[in-house]
């Protein structure tokens, strides 16, 4: 598995690629792709970075694992390719956007359109075995994505971080709240959405903050 990642990120993360944990991780992931079905396809592991170069990042949505069903995952958290049924969490995200901003429910679940505006759609773990949620956790991806968060936290300001659910909130504990906006609520999954995801108004709050800081807001359509 050669590390093919967008050039600006490659520079920012070059030290990580040299580290022992990343070498081990690469070996593990390569073996997994040889042995069975892994999502997303290998060419899309770093899709979140490829669609949203470092300089473009203004918002970060933090997920946990890629989807593990056929044809769903394509390297952007919560996003699915066109033609794939919307997973329940994505349905709830779109519902909240509608309530919050008045934007109608979209036809496409492919969030590439957000990524290209500066929304880094980052999963904590970037690969998963088919039909086996969490199967690639604790292999090194979390260390890598912690470093991604550290780099953007340290080198940028006035970012908006969306931390939905206890897992994302724990991962985002180190974010400097004095120079970034951190929006927290329960996860949009059907198990928790009605306990505080619906009505969190994160999408309009994000844009209000960006505009206040002279940054182009995100079109959530």
Protein backbone atom coordinates (compact mmCIF):
# COMPACT_ATOMS: atom_id res chain seq x y z
CA UNK A 1 0.00 0.00 0.00
CA UNK A 2 1.79 3.10 -1.20
CA UNK A 3 0.71 6.21 0.63
CA UNK A 4 -1.09 8.17 -2.05
CA UNK A 5 -2.47 11.24 -0.36
CA UNK A 6 -3.02 14.81 -1.52
CA UNK A 7 0.26 16.74 -1.64
CA UNK A 8 -0.38 19.36 1.05
CA UNK A 9 -1.39 16.65 3.54
CA UNK A 10 1.57 14.52 2.52
CA UNK A 11 3.87 17.37 3.56
CA UNK A 12 2.04 18.04 6.84
CA UNK A 13 2.00 14.36 7.83
CA UNK A 14 5.31 13.21 6.37
CA UNK A 15 6.78 12.45 9.81
CA UNK A 16 3.90 10.07 10.57
CA UNK A 17 4.55 8.00 7.46
CA UNK A 18 8.11 7.33 8.69
CA UNK A 19 7.06 6.11 12.14
CA UNK A 20 7.15 2.48 13.20
CA UNK A 21 3.43 2.32 14.04
CA UNK A 22 2.55 3.49 10.53
CA UNK A 23 4.81 0.87 8.94
CA UNK A 24 3.04 -1.79 11.04
CA UNK A 25 -0.35 -0.34 10.14
CA UNK A 26 0.50 -0.36 6.44
CA UNK A 27 1.53 -4.02 6.64
CA UNK A 28 -1.66 -4.95 8.46
CA UNK A 29 -3.90 -3.08 6.01
CA UNK A 30 -2.11 -4.52 2.96
CA UNK A 31 -2.54 -8.06 4.32
CA UNK A 32 -6.23 -7.41 5.02
CA UNK A 33 -6.91 -6.22 1.45
CA UNK A 34 -5.17 -9.34 0.12
CA UNK A 35 -7.13 -11.66 2.42
CA UNK A 36 -10.69 -10.44 1.95
CA UNK A 37 -13.10 -7.60 1.31
CA UNK A 38 -12.11 -4.34 2.96
CA UNK A 39 -13.87 -0.98 2.73
CA UNK A 40 -13.39 1.55 1.31
CA UNK A 41 -11.58 0.49 -1.89
CA UNK A 42 -7.83 1.01 -1.46
CA UNK A 43 -7.70 4.03 -3.76
CA UNK A 44 -10.22 5.85 -1.53
CA UNK A 45 -8.63 5.30 1.90
CA UNK A 46 -7.40 8.91 1.92
CA UNK A 47 -10.33 10.37 -0.01
CA UNK A 48 -11.21 12.83 2.81
CA UNK A 49 -7.77 14.40 2.40
CA UNK A 50 -7.77 14.26 -1.40
CA UNK A 51 -11.09 16.11 -1.62
CA UNK A 52 -10.18 18.69 1.04
CA UNK A 53 -6.56 19.91 0.87
CA UNK A 54 -5.03 21.28 4.07
CA UNK A 55 -5.35 24.96 3.14
CA UNK A 56 -9.04 24.54 2.37
CA UNK A 57 -10.06 23.03 5.74
CA UNK A 58 -12.47 25.21 7.71
CA UNK A 59 -14.72 22.60 9.29
CA UNK A 60 -14.10 19.06 10.60
CA UNK A 61 -16.79 16.41 11.07
CA UNK A 62 -15.43 13.50 13.06
CA UNK A 63 -16.73 9.96 12.53
CA UNK A 64 -15.57 6.65 13.95
CA UNK A 65 -15.42 3.80 11.40
CA UNK A 66 -16.14 3.53 7.66
CA UNK A 67 -19.46 1.89 6.75
CA UNK A 68 -18.94 -1.87 6.45
CA UNK A 69 -21.70 -2.76 3.94
CA UNK A 70 -21.14 -3.24 0.19
CA UNK A 71 -20.73 -0.07 -1.86
CA UNK A 72 -21.26 2.34 1.03
CA UNK A 73 -17.87 3.61 2.22
CA UNK A 74 -15.84 5.87 -0.03
CA UNK A 75 -13.46 7.52 2.41
CA UNK A 76 -15.69 10.34 3.73
CA UNK A 77 -17.36 9.92 7.12
CA UNK A 78 -21.17 9.60 7.06
CA UNK A 79 -21.15 9.82 3.23
CA UNK A 80 -22.32 7.19 0.72
CA UNK A 81 -22.00 7.04 -3.04
CA UNK A 82 -24.91 7.94 -5.27
CA UNK A 83 -27.40 5.13 -5.68
CA UNK A 84 -26.71 3.69 -2.21
CA UNK A 85 -29.52 3.79 0.32
CA UNK A 86 -28.93 6.47 2.96
CA UNK A 87 -27.81 4.98 6.30
CA UNK A 88 -29.97 6.05 9.28
CA UNK A 89 -27.38 8.46 10.74
CA UNK A 90 -27.09 10.27 7.41
CA UNK A 91 -30.88 10.51 7.18
CA UNK A 92 -30.91 12.16 10.61
CA UNK A 93 -28.12 14.58 9.62
CA UNK A 94 -30.16 15.67 6.60
CA UNK A 95 -33.29 16.00 8.75
CA UNK A 96 -31.49 18.29 11.18
CA UNK A 97 -30.08 20.38 8.32
CA UNK A 98 -33.63 20.78 7.01
CA UNK A 99 -35.02 21.85 10.37
CA UNK A 100 -32.05 24.10 11.11
CA UNK A 101 -31.55 25.82 7.75
CA UNK A 102 -34.64 25.07 5.65
CA UNK A 103 -32.57 23.22 3.04
CA UNK A 104 -34.72 20.45 1.47
CA UNK A 105 -33.81 16.78 1.89
CA UNK A 106 -31.15 16.02 -0.76
CA UNK A 107 -31.29 13.36 -3.45
CA UNK A 108 -27.61 12.46 -3.05
CA UNK A 109 -25.88 11.03 0.02
CA UNK A 110 -22.45 11.73 -1.49
CA UNK A 111 -20.93 14.47 0.68
CA UNK A 112 -18.02 15.18 -1.69
CA UNK A 113 -19.82 18.48 -2.33
CA UNK A 114 -19.15 19.45 1.32
CA UNK A 115 -15.54 18.23 1.29
CA UNK A 116 -14.70 20.42 -1.70
CA UNK A 117 -15.91 23.46 0.25
CA UNK A 118 -13.53 22.77 3.13
CA UNK A 119 -15.34 20.20 5.28
CA UNK A 120 -12.87 17.51 6.36
CA UNK A 121 -15.01 14.36 6.73
CA UNK A 122 -12.62 12.41 8.92
CA UNK A 123 -13.17 8.94 10.33
CA UNK A 124 -10.96 7.96 13.30
CA UNK A 125 -10.30 4.61 11.60
CA UNK A 126 -9.89 4.70 7.83
CA UNK A 127 -10.52 1.05 6.89
CA UNK A 128 -12.80 -1.79 7.99
CA UNK A 129 -13.43 -5.46 7.15
CA UNK A 130 -16.70 -6.12 5.33
CA UNK A 131 -19.65 -6.68 7.69
CA UNK A 132 -17.41 -6.38 10.76
CA UNK A 133 -17.74 -3.00 12.48
CA UNK A 134 -14.66 -1.89 14.37
CA UNK A 135 -12.47 -4.64 12.90
CA UNK A 136 -9.58 -2.26 12.12
CA UNK A 137 -9.66 -0.32 15.38
CA UNK A 138 -6.53 -0.21 17.58
CA UNK A 139 -4.19 -1.01 14.68
CA UNK A 140 -2.70 2.48 14.36
CA UNK A 141 -5.29 4.49 12.46
CA UNK A 142 -6.38 6.31 15.63
CA UNK A 143 -2.82 7.49 16.26
CA UNK A 144 -2.61 8.76 12.69
CA UNK A 145 -5.93 10.63 12.84
CA UNK A 146 -5.02 12.09 16.27
CA UNK A 147 -2.02 13.64 14.52
CA UNK A 148 -4.28 15.00 11.76
CA UNK A 149 -6.40 16.73 14.43
CA UNK A 150 -3.27 18.01 16.19
CA UNK A 151 -1.84 19.54 13.00
CA UNK A 152 -5.02 21.39 12.08
CA UNK A 153 -5.66 22.43 15.69
CA UNK A 154 -2.11 23.84 16.01
CA UNK A 155 -1.64 25.41 12.59
CA UNK A 156 -5.08 26.85 11.85
CA UNK A 157 -7.57 29.01 13.66
CA UNK A 158 -11.30 29.65 13.61
CA UNK A 159 -12.12 26.11 12.55
CA UNK A 160 -15.42 24.48 13.47
CA UNK A 161 -15.26 20.93 14.85
CA UNK A 162 -18.40 18.75 14.97
CA UNK A 163 -18.06 16.14 17.72
CA UNK A 164 -21.13 13.91 17.78
CA UNK A 165 -21.25 11.20 20.43
CA UNK A 166 -18.92 10.21 23.27
CA UNK A 167 -16.28 8.67 21.01
CA UNK A 168 -15.78 11.82 18.92
CA UNK A 169 -15.87 14.04 22.01
CA UNK A 170 -13.11 12.01 23.66
CA UNK A 171 -11.01 12.14 20.49
CA UNK A 172 -11.49 15.91 20.32
CA UNK A 173 -10.55 16.65 23.93
CA UNK A 174 -7.23 18.24 22.92
CA UNK A 175 -8.79 20.83 20.57
CA UNK A 176 -8.03 24.39 21.65
CA UNK A 177 -11.44 25.92 22.41
CA UNK A 178 -9.92 29.40 22.66
CA UNK A 179 -9.23 29.54 18.92
CA UNK A 180 -11.75 27.10 17.43
CA UNK A 181 -15.48 26.48 17.78
CA UNK A 182 -16.27 22.98 19.07
CA UNK A 183 -19.88 21.83 18.61
CA UNK A 184 -20.84 18.77 20.68
CA UNK A 185 -24.01 16.71 20.92
CA UNK A 186 -25.15 13.09 20.99
CA UNK A 187 -24.57 11.01 17.85
CA UNK A 188 -27.07 11.24 14.95
CA UNK A 189 -27.74 7.49 15.09
CA UNK A 190 -31.40 6.49 15.67
CA UNK A 191 -30.42 5.25 19.14
CA UNK A 192 -29.56 8.73 20.35
CA UNK A 193 -30.64 11.40 17.83
CA UNK A 194 -33.84 12.30 19.69
CA UNK A 195 -31.85 12.89 22.89
CA UNK A 196 -30.15 16.05 21.65
CA UNK A 197 -28.94 15.70 18.07
CA UNK A 198 -32.23 16.96 16.68
CA UNK A 199 -32.42 20.63 17.49
CA UNK A 200 -28.67 21.11 18.07
CA UNK A 201 -28.59 23.67 15.21
CA UNK A 202 -24.94 22.86 14.56
CA UNK A 203 -25.10 23.66 10.86
CA UNK A 204 -26.34 27.23 11.24
CA UNK A 205 -24.12 27.79 14.29
CA UNK A 206 -21.13 26.69 12.22
CA UNK A 207 -21.94 29.13 9.45
CA UNK A 208 -22.64 32.00 11.86
CA UNK A 209 -19.19 31.48 13.37
CA UNK A 210 -17.44 31.25 9.99
CA UNK A 211 -19.12 34.42 8.72
CA UNK A 212 -18.28 36.25 11.96
CA UNK A 213 -14.62 35.36 11.34
CA UNK A 214 -14.64 36.43 7.69
CA UNK A 215 -14.74 32.88 6.31
CA UNK A 216 -17.06 31.72 3.53
CA UNK A 217 -19.93 29.69 5.04
CA UNK A 218 -20.64 26.08 3.99
CA UNK A 219 -23.52 25.44 1.62
CA UNK A 220 -25.04 22.36 3.33
CA UNK A 221 -27.30 21.57 0.37
